[in-house]
Amino acid sequence: MLWVVVPALDEAENLRVLVPRIVAEVTTFDPLGRVLVVDDGSTDHTGKVMAELAADHPEVELETLRHNLGKAAALQRGFRRALDGGADVVVMMDADGQDDPAELGRLLERIDAGADLVTGARLVRQDRFVKRTTSRVYNRTTGLLSGAPGRDFNSGFKAMRAAVAEDVSPMLYGEMHRYLTVIAHGMGYRVSEVPVQHHARMSGASKYGLARFWRGFADLLTVRFLLSYENRPSHLFGAVGMASLLLGFVTLAYLTVVKVLGEPIGDRPLLIAGVLMVMAGLQLTLFGLLAEMVVHARNRGLGQRT
């Protein structure tokens, strides 16, 4: 069963045109398919427009959030409802009309060919120069740091198997939706992408500014850490801490020899540096051990519940 999840914030006019087009494509591939719009706390007349669309198209459903929680939270709610509704394949699309519903078949073909998650890559962007440039830098950096294959990680047009939607949902908070491909790849799923046509926004204004560029890199570090060290945090903090301890001890040992030879060391900046490295090393090592205790308690609790 095919479900298309469309998170929307103040996109009433776009939804009026876009939803019927999505319905037409979905029912071509699955007569029982559903189109779910998640209203992320819109302040326009999205609810009224969706009520009219649902009356005309029985395939359309609406999930309304009481206030704006962000795209990631809206997708998480949408994925949960789709999975509860028996979805085998979940597709996510933006509500601004820049994603073309006619490209849906290309993504589904790649799923049928064996991919677990497919991204619609916007290789020719219909956006402002600044947005195109920052997105290009973002995508290259993401690929370099994550090791995931792809050229357009931030595309909001993706199709995935139900198992992928189930596994990535717990990490959909903040702005983690940008890293669905990276998360799925890190979990061992087969990820792919196909070039799709990209259109200019139909109406309204973008909800994102340049600040998302910097937030995106912070989230990338979070994803990288969670995928690599979620179950072994001491391997990161302990390694850095032990390295700092070693450097600190070597520094202090050197200064001790200098002191024994009769030279004053009290006014040397190296003494402060050595002490700081030892203190920082101890704190990082202990922090890693505390994190291991948290992971152990969590895993033991999960084991007892199962």
C-alpha atoms as a PDB file:
ATOM      1  CA  MET A   1       0.000   0.000   0.000  1.00  0.00           C
ATOM      2  CA  LEU A   2       1.336   3.410  -1.029  1.00  0.00           C
ATOM      3  CA  TRP A   3       1.112   6.464   1.233  1.00  0.00           C
ATOM      4  CA  VAL A   4       2.308   9.967   0.345  1.00  0.00           C
ATOM      5  CA  VAL A   5       3.006  12.217   3.342  1.00  0.00           C
ATOM      6  CA  VAL A   6       2.987  15.987   2.705  1.00  0.00           C
ATOM      7  CA  PRO A   7       4.016  18.234   5.630  1.00  0.00           C
ATOM      8  CA  ALA A   8       2.533  21.693   5.187  1.00  0.00           C
ATOM      9  CA  LEU A   9       2.793  25.068   6.916  1.00  0.00           C
ATOM     10  CA  ASP A  10       0.637  27.874   5.493  1.00  0.00           C
ATOM     11  CA  GLU A  11       0.491  26.314   2.019  1.00  0.00           C
ATOM     12  CA  ALA A  12      -3.285  26.388   1.464  1.00  0.00           C
ATOM     13  CA  GLU A  13      -3.182  27.773  -2.079  1.00  0.00           C
ATOM     14  CA  ASN A  14      -0.476  25.351  -3.148  1.00  0.00           C
ATOM     15  CA  LEU A  15      -2.295  22.373  -1.617  1.00  0.00           C
ATOM     16  CA  ARG A  16      -5.458  23.251  -3.533  1.00  0.00           C
ATOM     17  CA  VAL A  17      -3.567  22.618  -6.790  1.00  0.00           C
ATOM     18  CA  LEU A  18      -0.997  20.063  -5.671  1.00  0.00           C
ATOM     19  CA  VAL A  19      -3.081  17.496  -3.780  1.00  0.00           C
ATOM     20  CA  PRO A  20      -5.335  16.506  -6.735  1.00  0.00           C
ATOM     21  CA  ARG A  21      -2.209  15.997  -8.855  1.00  0.00           C
ATOM     22  CA  ILE A  22      -0.693  13.758  -6.200  1.00  0.00           C
ATOM     23  CA  VAL A  23      -3.932  11.782  -5.893  1.00  0.00           C
ATOM     24  CA  ALA A  24      -3.996  11.198  -9.644  1.00  0.00           C
ATOM     25  CA  GLU A  25      -0.463   9.786  -9.581  1.00  0.00           C
ATOM     26  CA  VAL A  26      -0.938   7.695  -6.438  1.00  0.00           C
ATOM     27  CA  THR A  27      -4.113   5.997  -7.656  1.00  0.00           C
ATOM     28  CA  THR A  28      -2.321   5.114 -10.883  1.00  0.00           C
ATOM     29  CA  PHE A  29       0.104   2.934  -8.961  1.00  0.00           C
ATOM     30  CA  ASP A  30      -2.167   1.863  -6.104  1.00  0.00           C
ATOM     31  CA  PRO A  31      -5.965   2.262  -6.226  1.00  0.00           C
ATOM     32  CA  LEU A  32      -5.967   1.971  -2.423  1.00  0.00           C
ATOM     33  CA  GLY A  33      -3.172   4.509  -1.962  1.00  0.00           C
ATOM     34  CA  ARG A  34      -3.522   7.416   0.435  1.00  0.00           C
ATOM     35  CA  VAL A  35      -2.385  11.053   0.455  1.00  0.00           C
ATOM     36  CA  LEU A  36      -1.830  12.410   3.954  1.00  0.00           C
ATOM     37  CA  VAL A  37      -1.306  16.131   4.538  1.00  0.00           C
ATOM     38  CA  VAL A  38       0.156  16.985   7.934  1.00  0.00           C
ATOM     39  CA  ASP A  39      -0.861  20.525   8.847  1.00  0.00           C
ATOM     40  CA  ASP A  40       2.046  21.767  10.960  1.00  0.00           C
ATOM     41  CA  GLY A  41       0.142  24.443  12.854  1.00  0.00           C
ATOM     42  CA  SER A  42      -0.861  26.551   9.845  1.00  0.00           C
ATOM     43  CA  THR A  43      -2.447  29.926  10.456  1.00  0.00           C
ATOM     44  CA  ASP A  44      -4.012  30.276   7.004  1.00  0.00           C
ATOM     45  CA  HIS A  45      -7.090  28.423   5.721  1.00  0.00           C
ATOM     46  CA  THR A  46      -5.312  25.091   5.206  1.00  0.00           C
ATOM     47  CA  GLY A  47      -7.946  23.245   7.245  1.00  0.00           C
ATOM     48  CA  LYS A  48     -10.802  24.565   5.094  1.00  0.00           C
ATOM     49  CA  VAL A  49      -8.992  23.756   1.841  1.00  0.00           C
ATOM     50  CA  MET A  50      -8.177  20.239   3.006  1.00  0.00           C
ATOM     51  CA  ALA A  51     -11.785  19.637   4.100  1.00  0.00           C
ATOM     52  CA  GLU A  52     -12.917  20.531   0.570  1.00  0.00           C
ATOM     53  CA  LEU A  53     -10.257  18.304  -0.989  1.00  0.00           C
ATOM     54  CA  ALA A  54     -11.093  15.380   1.287  1.00  0.00           C
ATOM     55  CA  ALA A  55     -14.759  15.684   0.300  1.00  0.00           C
ATOM     56  CA  ASP A  56     -13.838  15.452  -3.379  1.00  0.00           C
ATOM     57  CA  HIS A  57     -11.079  12.849  -2.995  1.00  0.00           C
ATOM     58  CA  PRO A  58     -11.664   9.968  -0.534  1.00  0.00           C
ATOM     59  CA  GLU A  59      -7.966   9.094  -0.748  1.00  0.00           C
ATOM     60  CA  VAL A  60      -7.021  12.315   1.038  1.00  0.00           C
ATOM     61  CA  GLU A  61      -6.499  12.493   4.800  1.00  0.00           C
ATOM     62  CA  LEU A  62      -5.480  15.304   7.125  1.00  0.00           C
ATOM     63  CA  GLU A  63      -3.431  15.215  10.320  1.00  0.00           C
ATOM     64  CA  THR A  64      -3.521  18.507  12.219  1.00  0.00           C
ATOM     65  CA  LEU A  65      -0.889  19.586  14.737  1.00  0.00           C
ATOM     66  CA  ARG A  66      -2.045  22.124  17.291  1.00  0.00           C
ATOM     67  CA  HIS A  67       0.956  24.348  16.770  1.00  0.00           C
ATOM     68  CA  ASN A  68       4.067  24.503  14.633  1.00  0.00           C
ATOM     69  CA  LEU A  69       6.396  21.668  15.676  1.00  0.00           C
ATOM     70  CA  GLY A  70       8.678  21.706  12.627  1.00  0.00           C
ATOM     71  CA  LYS A  71       8.973  19.575   9.522  1.00  0.00           C
ATOM     72  CA  ALA A  72      10.730  16.675  11.230  1.00  0.00           C
ATOM     73  CA  ALA A  73       7.985  16.305  13.833  1.00  0.00           C
ATOM     74  CA  ALA A  74       5.323  16.593  11.138  1.00  0.00           C
ATOM     75  CA  LEU A  75       6.996  13.842   9.126  1.00  0.00           C
ATOM     76  CA  GLN A  76       7.286  11.649  12.200  1.00  0.00           C
ATOM     77  CA  ARG A  77       3.550  12.020  12.847  1.00  0.00           C
ATOM     78  CA  GLY A  78       2.819  11.349   9.184  1.00  0.00           C
ATOM     79  CA  PHE A  79       5.043   8.267   9.030  1.00  0.00           C
ATOM     80  CA  ARG A  80       3.399   6.865  12.156  1.00  0.00           C
ATOM     81  CA  ARG A  81      -0.088   7.283  10.716  1.00  0.00           C
ATOM     82  CA  ALA A  82       0.974   5.794   7.381  1.00  0.00           C
ATOM     83  CA  LEU A  83       2.532   2.767   9.057  1.00  0.00           C
ATOM     84  CA  ASP A  84      -0.520   2.283  11.260  1.00  0.00           C
ATOM     85  CA  GLY A  85      -2.598   2.447   8.081  1.00  0.00           C
ATOM     86  CA  GLY A  86      -0.713  -0.472   6.532  1.00  0.00           C
ATOM     87  CA  ALA A  87       1.723   1.369   4.267  1.00  0.00           C
ATOM     88  CA  ASP A  88       4.283  -0.749   2.415  1.00  0.00           C
ATOM     89  CA  VAL A  89       5.937   2.259   0.772  1.00  0.00           C
ATOM     90  CA  VAL A  90       5.960   5.778   2.222  1.00  0.00           C
ATOM     91  CA  VAL A  91       6.680   8.820   0.058  1.00  0.00           C
ATOM     92  CA  MET A  92       7.383  12.289   1.417  1.00  0.00           C
ATOM     93  CA  MET A  93       6.880  15.447  -0.646  1.00  0.00           C
ATOM     94  CA  ASP A  94       7.006  19.164   0.031  1.00  0.00           C
ATOM     95  CA  ALA A  95       3.835  21.233  -0.180  1.00  0.00           C
ATOM     96  CA  ASP A  96       5.289  24.170  -2.114  1.00  0.00           C
ATOM     97  CA  GLY A  97       4.814  22.566  -5.525  1.00  0.00           C
ATOM     98  CA  GLN A  98       8.512  22.377  -6.344  1.00  0.00           C
ATOM     99  CA  ASP A  99       8.386  18.571  -6.346  1.00  0.00           C
ATOM    100  CA  ASP A 100       6.639  17.159  -9.398  1.00  0.00           C
ATOM    101  CA  PRO A 101       4.111  14.385  -8.623  1.00  0.00           C
ATOM    102  CA  ALA A 102       4.640  13.079 -12.166  1.00  0.00           C
ATOM    103  CA  GLU A 103       8.122  11.930 -11.068  1.00  0.00           C
ATOM    104  CA  LEU A 104       6.660   9.569  -8.458  1.00  0.00           C
ATOM    105  CA  GLY A 105       6.877   6.604 -10.806  1.00  0.00           C
ATOM    106  CA  ARG A 106      10.639   6.971 -11.182  1.00  0.00           C
ATOM    107  CA  LEU A 107      11.171   6.714  -7.449  1.00  0.00           C
ATOM    108  CA  LEU A 108       8.870   3.694  -7.160  1.00  0.00           C
ATOM    109  CA  GLU A 109      10.697   1.959 -10.012  1.00  0.00           C
ATOM    110  CA  ARG A 110      13.954   2.238  -8.088  1.00  0.00           C
ATOM    111  CA  ILE A 111      12.225   0.827  -4.981  1.00  0.00           C
ATOM    112  CA  ASP A 112      10.998  -2.116  -7.060  1.00  0.00           C
ATOM    113  CA  ALA A 113      14.569  -2.583  -8.317  1.00  0.00           C
ATOM    114  CA  GLY A 114      15.778  -3.227  -4.758  1.00  0.00           C
ATOM    115  CA  ALA A 115      16.503   0.132  -3.144  1.00  0.00           C
ATOM    116  CA  ASP A 116      15.211   0.748   0.366  1.00  0.00           C
ATOM    117  CA  LEU A 117      15.188   4.559   0.172  1.00  0.00           C
ATOM    118  CA  VAL A 118      15.225   6.666  -2.979  1.00  0.00           C
ATOM    119  CA  THR A 119      15.775  10.414  -3.144  1.00  0.00           C
ATOM    120  CA  GLY A 120      14.513  12.598  -5.961  1.00  0.00           C
ATOM    121  CA  ALA A 121      17.689  14.551  -6.733  1.00  0.00           C
ATOM    122  CA  ARG A 122      17.138  18.151  -7.846  1.00  0.00           C
ATOM    123  CA  LEU A 123      20.183  18.420 -10.062  1.00  0.00           C
ATOM    124  CA  VAL A 124      18.804  21.514 -11.820  1.00  0.00           C
ATOM    125  CA  ARG A 125      17.409  23.760  -9.092  1.00  0.00           C
ATOM    126  CA  GLN A 126      14.814  26.469  -9.666  1.00  0.00           C
ATOM    127  CA  ASP A 127      15.898  28.518  -6.662  1.00  0.00           C
ATOM    128  CA  ARG A 128      17.783  31.712  -5.876  1.00  0.00           C
ATOM    129  CA  PHE A 129      21.547  31.787  -6.435  1.00  0.00           C
ATOM    130  CA  VAL A 130      22.333  31.958  -2.715  1.00  0.00           C
ATOM    131  CA  LYS A 131      20.110  28.979  -1.949  1.00  0.00           C
ATOM    132  CA  ARG A 132      21.608  26.942  -4.770  1.00  0.00           C
ATOM    133  CA  THR A 133      25.155  27.761  -3.683  1.00  0.00           C
ATOM    134  CA  THR A 134      24.687  26.993   0.005  1.00  0.00           C
ATOM    135  CA  SER A 135      22.848  23.788  -0.872  1.00  0.00           C
ATOM    136  CA  ARG A 136      25.738  22.689  -3.094  1.00  0.00           C
ATOM    137  CA  VAL A 137      28.244  23.248  -0.283  1.00  0.00           C
ATOM    138  CA  TYR A 138      25.942  21.502   2.181  1.00  0.00           C
ATOM    139  CA  ASN A 139      25.509  18.418  -0.019  1.00  0.00           C
ATOM    140  CA  ARG A 140      29.216  18.022  -0.701  1.00  0.00           C
ATOM    141  CA  THR A 141      30.085  18.409   2.977  1.00  0.00           C
ATOM    142  CA  THR A 142      27.385  15.946   3.998  1.00  0.00           C
ATOM    143  CA  GLY A 143      28.633  13.345   1.537  1.00  0.00           C
ATOM    144  CA  LEU A 144      32.219  13.816   2.676  1.00  0.00           C
ATOM    145  CA  LEU A 145      31.494  13.573   6.409  1.00  0.00           C
ATOM    146  CA  SER A 146      28.851  10.852   6.274  1.00  0.00           C
ATOM    147  CA  GLY A 147      30.144   8.605   3.511  1.00  0.00           C
ATOM    148  CA  ALA A 148      26.605   8.211   2.200  1.00  0.00           C
ATOM    149  CA  PRO A 149      26.158   8.179  -1.597  1.00  0.00           C
ATOM    150  CA  GLY A 150      24.166  10.999  -3.148  1.00  0.00           C
ATOM    151  CA  ARG A 151      24.179  14.484  -4.587  1.00  0.00           C
ATOM    152  CA  ASP A 152      21.035  15.997  -3.053  1.00  0.00           C
ATOM    153  CA  PHE A 153      20.616  14.872   0.550  1.00  0.00           C
ATOM    154  CA  ASN A 154      18.290  17.741   1.433  1.00  0.00           C
ATOM    155  CA  SER A 155      15.627  16.925  -1.145  1.00  0.00           C
ATOM    156  CA  GLY A 156      12.183  16.672   0.415  1.00  0.00           C
ATOM    157  CA  PHE A 157      11.059  14.193  -2.252  1.00  0.00           C
ATOM    158  CA  LYS A 158      11.837  10.667  -1.044  1.00  0.00           C
ATOM    159  CA  ALA A 159      10.324   7.202  -1.235  1.00  0.00           C
ATOM    160  CA  MET A 160      11.127   4.467   1.274  1.00  0.00           C
ATOM    161  CA  ARG A 161      10.021   1.054   2.356  1.00  0.00           C
ATOM    162  CA  ALA A 162       7.921   0.772   5.491  1.00  0.00           C
ATOM    163  CA  ALA A 163      10.842  -0.732   7.445  1.00  0.00           C
ATOM    164  CA  VAL A 164      12.953   2.345   6.719  1.00  0.00           C
ATOM    165  CA  ALA A 165      10.186   4.721   7.813  1.00  0.00           C
ATOM    166  CA  GLU A 166       9.779   2.699  11.009  1.00  0.00           C
ATOM    167  CA  ASP A 167      13.484   2.757  11.872  1.00  0.00           C
ATOM    168  CA  VAL A 168      14.222   6.399  11.045  1.00  0.00           C
ATOM    169  CA  SER A 169      11.144   7.823  12.795  1.00  0.00           C
ATOM    170  CA  PRO A 170      12.756   7.960  16.273  1.00  0.00           C
ATOM    171  CA  MET A 171      15.433  10.286  14.878  1.00  0.00           C
ATOM    172  CA  LEU A 172      12.954  12.716  13.329  1.00  0.00           C
ATOM    173  CA  TYR A 173      13.227  15.654  15.692  1.00  0.00           C
ATOM    174  CA  GLY A 174      14.719  19.124  15.418  1.00  0.00           C
ATOM    175  CA  GLU A 175      15.772  19.347  11.781  1.00  0.00           C
ATOM    176  CA  MET A 176      16.973  15.779  11.360  1.00  0.00           C
ATOM    177  CA  HIS A 177      14.665  15.297   8.369  1.00  0.00           C
ATOM    178  CA  ARG A 178      17.500  16.658   6.230  1.00  0.00           C
ATOM    179  CA  TYR A 179      19.542  13.557   7.007  1.00  0.00           C
ATOM    180  CA  LEU A 180      17.093  10.749   6.293  1.00  0.00           C
ATOM    181  CA  THR A 181      19.383   9.405   3.581  1.00  0.00           C
ATOM    182  CA  VAL A 182      22.418   9.544   5.870  1.00  0.00           C
ATOM    183  CA  ILE A 183      20.510   7.911   8.730  1.00  0.00           C
ATOM    184  CA  ALA A 184      19.145   5.118   6.539  1.00  0.00           C
ATOM    185  CA  HIS A 185      22.571   4.501   5.029  1.00  0.00           C
ATOM    186  CA  GLY A 186      24.110   4.382   8.496  1.00  0.00           C
ATOM    187  CA  MET A 187      21.527   1.777   9.508  1.00  0.00           C
ATOM    188  CA  GLY A 188      22.563  -0.463   6.637  1.00  0.00           C
ATOM    189  CA  TYR A 189      19.737   0.223   4.197  1.00  0.00           C
ATOM    190  CA  ARG A 190      20.338   0.502   0.473  1.00  0.00           C
ATOM    191  CA  VAL A 191      19.937   4.142  -0.537  1.00  0.00           C
ATOM    192  CA  SER A 192      19.771   5.521  -4.044  1.00  0.00           C
ATOM    193  CA  GLU A 193      18.651   8.603  -5.930  1.00  0.00           C
ATOM    194  CA  VAL A 194      17.166   9.474  -9.301  1.00  0.00           C
ATOM    195  CA  PRO A 195      17.254  12.879 -11.035  1.00  0.00           C
ATOM    196  CA  VAL A 196      13.872  14.622 -10.970  1.00  0.00           C
ATOM    197  CA  GLN A 197      12.491  17.821 -12.410  1.00  0.00           C
ATOM    198  CA  HIS A 198      12.407  20.741 -10.010  1.00  0.00           C
ATOM    199  CA  HIS A 199       9.977  23.640 -10.311  1.00  0.00           C
ATOM    200  CA  ALA A 200       9.778  27.128  -8.918  1.00  0.00           C
ATOM    201  CA  ARG A 201       7.576  27.551  -5.853  1.00  0.00           C
ATOM    202  CA  MET A 202       3.952  27.937  -6.957  1.00  0.00           C
ATOM    203  CA  SER A 203       3.001  30.619  -4.427  1.00  0.00           C
ATOM    204  CA  GLY A 204       3.916  31.906  -1.010  1.00  0.00           C
ATOM    205  CA  ALA A 205       7.365  32.293   0.510  1.00  0.00           C
ATOM    206  CA  SER A 206       9.968  29.827   1.699  1.00  0.00           C
ATOM    207  CA  LYS A 207       9.868  29.008   5.416  1.00  0.00           C
ATOM    208  CA  TYR A 208      13.644  28.652   5.658  1.00  0.00           C
ATOM    209  CA  GLY A 209      16.477  31.178   5.708  1.00  0.00           C
ATOM    210  CA  LEU A 210      20.259  31.069   5.796  1.00  0.00           C
ATOM    211  CA  ALA A 211      20.189  30.012   9.454  1.00  0.00           C
ATOM    212  CA  ARG A 212      19.249  26.480   8.382  1.00  0.00           C
ATOM    213  CA  PHE A 213      22.675  26.172   6.741  1.00  0.00           C
ATOM    214  CA  TRP A 214      24.489  26.382  10.086  1.00  0.00           C
ATOM    215  CA  ARG A 215      21.878  24.376  11.960  1.00  0.00           C
ATOM    216  CA  GLY A 216      22.224  21.711   9.322  1.00  0.00           C
ATOM    217  CA  PHE A 217      25.924  21.212  10.002  1.00  0.00           C
ATOM    218  CA  ALA A 218      25.290  20.988  13.743  1.00  0.00           C
ATOM    219  CA  ASP A 219      22.658  18.315  13.081  1.00  0.00           C
ATOM    220  CA  LEU A 220      25.084  16.467  10.805  1.00  0.00           C
ATOM    221  CA  LEU A 221      27.565  16.167  13.666  1.00  0.00           C
ATOM    222  CA  THR A 222      24.740  14.878  15.865  1.00  0.00           C
ATOM    223  CA  VAL A 223      23.741  12.258  13.298  1.00  0.00           C
ATOM    224  CA  ARG A 224      27.346  11.219  12.801  1.00  0.00           C
ATOM    225  CA  PHE A 225      27.804  10.804  16.546  1.00  0.00           C
ATOM    226  CA  LEU A 226      24.564   8.881  17.091  1.00  0.00           C
ATOM    227  CA  LEU A 227      25.187   6.485  14.223  1.00  0.00           C
ATOM    228  CA  SER A 228      28.796   5.842  15.202  1.00  0.00           C
ATOM    229  CA  TYR A 229      28.863   6.079  18.995  1.00  0.00           C
ATOM    230  CA  GLU A 230      25.315   5.739  20.313  1.00  0.00           C
ATOM    231  CA  ASN A 231      26.115   2.365  21.876  1.00  0.00           C
ATOM    232  CA  ARG A 232      29.789   2.999  22.656  1.00  0.00           C
ATOM    233  CA  PRO A 233      30.193   6.644  23.744  1.00  0.00           C
ATOM    234  CA  SER A 234      33.331   5.925  25.786  1.00  0.00           C
ATOM    235  CA  HIS A 235      35.144   5.006  22.563  1.00  0.00           C
ATOM    236  CA  LEU A 236      34.892   8.643  21.559  1.00  0.00           C
ATOM    237  CA  PHE A 237      35.120  10.512  24.853  1.00  0.00           C
ATOM    238  CA  GLY A 238      37.531   7.993  26.371  1.00  0.00           C
ATOM    239  CA  ALA A 239      39.876   8.126  23.392  1.00  0.00           C
ATOM    240  CA  VAL A 240      39.975  11.921  23.369  1.00  0.00           C
ATOM    241  CA  GLY A 241      40.302  11.979  27.151  1.00  0.00           C
ATOM    242  CA  MET A 242      43.174   9.483  27.233  1.00  0.00           C
ATOM    243  CA  ALA A 243      44.982  11.401  24.504  1.00  0.00           C
ATOM    244  CA  SER A 244      44.619  14.609  26.504  1.00  0.00           C
ATOM    245  CA  LEU A 245      45.798  12.854  29.671  1.00  0.00           C
ATOM    246  CA  LEU A 246      48.842  11.463  27.914  1.00  0.00           C
ATOM    247  CA  LEU A 247      49.818  14.833  26.478  1.00  0.00           C
ATOM    248  CA  GLY A 248      49.284  16.461  29.854  1.00  0.00           C
ATOM    249  CA  PHE A 249      51.400  13.900  31.715  1.00  0.00           C
ATOM    250  CA  VAL A 250      54.191  14.156  29.142  1.00  0.00           C
ATOM    251  CA  THR A 251      54.129  17.953  29.447  1.00  0.00           C
ATOM    252  CA  LEU A 252      54.207  17.862  33.246  1.00  0.00           C
ATOM    253  CA  ALA A 253      56.938  15.215  33.245  1.00  0.00           C
ATOM    254  CA  TYR A 254      59.070  17.431  31.027  1.00  0.00           C
ATOM    255  CA  LEU A 255      58.492  20.399  33.323  1.00  0.00           C
ATOM    256  CA  THR A 256      59.383  18.259  36.336  1.00  0.00           C
ATOM    257  CA  VAL A 257      62.739  17.409  34.766  1.00  0.00           C
ATOM    258  CA  VAL A 258      63.290  21.080  34.016  1.00  0.00           C
ATOM    259  CA  LYS A 259      62.491  21.937  37.643  1.00  0.00           C
ATOM    260  CA  VAL A 260      64.894  19.275  38.943  1.00  0.00           C
ATOM    261  CA  LEU A 261      67.626  20.760  36.781  1.00  0.00           C
ATOM    262  CA  GLY A 262      67.138  24.035  38.628  1.00  0.00           C
ATOM    263  CA  GLU A 263      65.145  26.137  36.173  1.00  0.00           C
ATOM    264  CA  PRO A 264      61.961  27.935  37.331  1.00  0.00           C
ATOM    265  CA  ILE A 265      58.709  26.724  35.735  1.00  0.00           C
ATOM    266  CA  GLY A 266      56.104  28.748  37.682  1.00  0.00           C
ATOM    267  CA  ASP A 267      55.823  31.440  35.011  1.00  0.00           C
ATOM    268  CA  ARG A 268      55.750  29.073  32.025  1.00  0.00           C
ATOM    269  CA  PRO A 269      52.471  28.911  30.027  1.00  0.00           C
ATOM    270  CA  LEU A 270      53.322  25.271  29.358  1.00  0.00           C
ATOM    271  CA  LEU A 271      52.615  24.478  33.012  1.00  0.00           C
ATOM    272  CA  ILE A 272      49.063  25.809  32.749  1.00  0.00           C
ATOM    273  CA  ALA A 273      48.586  23.942  29.479  1.00  0.00           C
ATOM    274  CA  GLY A 274      49.762  20.684  31.029  1.00  0.00           C
ATOM    275  CA  VAL A 275      47.426  20.996  34.009  1.00  0.00           C
ATOM    276  CA  LEU A 276      44.494  21.876  31.759  1.00  0.00           C
ATOM    277  CA  MET A 277      45.134  18.864  29.519  1.00  0.00           C
ATOM    278  CA  VAL A 278      45.212  16.536  32.529  1.00  0.00           C
ATOM    279  CA  MET A 279      41.987  17.992  33.964  1.00  0.00           C
ATOM    280  CA  ALA A 280      40.212  17.940  30.614  1.00  0.00           C
ATOM    281  CA  GLY A 281      41.372  14.374  30.001  1.00  0.00           C
ATOM    282  CA  LEU A 282      40.042  13.212  33.361  1.00  0.00           C
ATOM    283  CA  GLN A 283      36.691  14.886  32.779  1.00  0.00           C
ATOM    284  CA  LEU A 284      36.271  13.461  29.279  1.00  0.00           C
ATOM    285  CA  THR A 285      37.226   9.964  30.425  1.00  0.00           C
ATOM    286  CA  LEU A 286      34.780  10.076  33.331  1.00  0.00           C
ATOM    287  CA  PHE A 287      32.088  11.527  31.067  1.00  0.00           C
ATOM    288  CA  GLY A 288      32.579   8.591  28.677  1.00  0.00           C
ATOM    289  CA  LEU A 289      32.186   6.113  31.568  1.00  0.00           C
ATOM    290  CA  LEU A 290      29.018   7.861  32.750  1.00  0.00           C
ATOM    291  CA  ALA A 291      27.643   7.734  29.210  1.00  0.00           C
ATOM    292  CA  GLU A 292      28.384   4.007  29.094  1.00  0.00           C
ATOM    293  CA  MET A 293      26.405   3.555  32.315  1.00  0.00           C
ATOM    294  CA  VAL A 294      23.437   5.368  30.735  1.00  0.00           C
ATOM    295  CA  VAL A 295      23.615   3.160  27.621  1.00  0.00           C
ATOM    296  CA  HIS A 296      23.904   0.035  29.781  1.00  0.00           C
ATOM    297  CA  ALA A 297      20.866   1.041  31.864  1.00  0.00           C
ATOM    298  CA  ARG A 298      18.868   1.814  28.720  1.00  0.00           C
ATOM    299  CA  ASN A 299      19.718  -1.513  27.062  1.00  0.00           C
ATOM    300  CA  ARG A 300      18.981  -3.462  30.241  1.00  0.00           C
ATOM    301  CA  GLY A 301      15.620  -1.700  30.532  1.00  0.00           C
ATOM    302  CA  LEU A 302      14.789  -2.538  26.920  1.00  0.00           C
ATOM    303  CA  GLY A 303      15.765  -6.144  27.538  1.00  0.00           C
ATOM    304  CA  GLN A 304      13.508  -6.409  30.563  1.00  0.00           C
ATOM    305  CA  ARG A 305      10.519  -4.948  28.672  1.00  0.00           C
ATOM    306  CA  THR A 306      10.941  -7.443  25.841  1.00  0.00           C
END
